[in-house]
Amino acid sequence: MLAKISILNISNVGYYYIILTHKNIMQAGYKNLQKDLTICLKKIK
């Protein structure tokens, strides 16, 4: 999980870590994870 966050170059790791922990990350595909992170980035910006 933390490795994926590092690969995606997420600056605010704490915020995304909470989001990832809230979801069923082990059952989610990598593409879906990346899509969710992109949506979160857009919401923050």
Protein backbone atom coordinates (compact mmCIF):
# COMPACT_ATOMS: atom_id res chain seq x y z
CA MET A 1 0.00 0.00 0.00
CA LEU A 2 2.68 2.51 0.99
CA ALA A 3 4.75 1.42 -2.00
CA LYS A 4 1.92 2.29 -4.37
CA ILE A 5 1.56 5.72 -2.75
CA SER A 6 5.28 6.36 -3.24
CA ILE A 7 5.15 5.25 -6.89
CA LEU A 8 2.25 7.59 -7.59
CA ASN A 9 4.28 10.46 -6.07
CA ILE A 10 1.54 11.56 -3.70
CA SER A 11 2.66 14.62 -1.76
CA ASN A 12 0.08 14.54 1.03
CA VAL A 13 0.67 10.92 2.08
CA GLY A 14 -1.27 11.16 5.33
CA TYR A 15 -4.49 12.23 3.62
CA TYR A 16 -4.34 9.52 0.95
CA TYR A 17 -3.31 6.88 3.47
CA ILE A 18 -6.57 7.55 5.35
CA ILE A 19 -8.56 7.28 2.11
CA LEU A 20 -6.81 4.05 1.09
CA THR A 21 -7.30 2.58 4.55
CA HIS A 22 -11.00 3.42 4.43
CA LYS A 23 -11.48 1.47 1.18
CA ASN A 24 -11.11 -2.28 0.72
CA ILE A 25 -7.70 -1.79 -0.84
CA MET A 26 -6.80 -5.48 -0.92
CA GLN A 27 -9.80 -6.21 -3.15
CA ALA A 28 -9.35 -3.21 -5.43
CA GLY A 29 -7.40 -3.39 -8.69
CA TYR A 30 -4.39 -1.13 -9.26
CA LYS A 31 -6.16 0.75 -12.06
CA ASN A 32 -9.16 1.46 -9.83
CA LEU A 33 -6.81 2.59 -7.06
CA GLN A 34 -5.01 4.96 -9.40
CA LYS A 35 -8.36 6.31 -10.64
CA ASP A 36 -9.54 6.96 -7.07
CA LEU A 37 -6.29 8.80 -6.28
CA THR A 38 -6.69 10.92 -9.42
CA ILE A 39 -10.23 11.87 -8.41
CA CYS A 40 -9.00 12.80 -4.92
CA LEU A 41 -6.23 14.93 -6.42
CA LYS A 42 -8.77 16.79 -8.54
CA LYS A 43 -11.01 17.38 -5.52
CA ILE A 44 -8.12 18.81 -3.48
CA LYS A 45 -6.91 21.07 -6.30
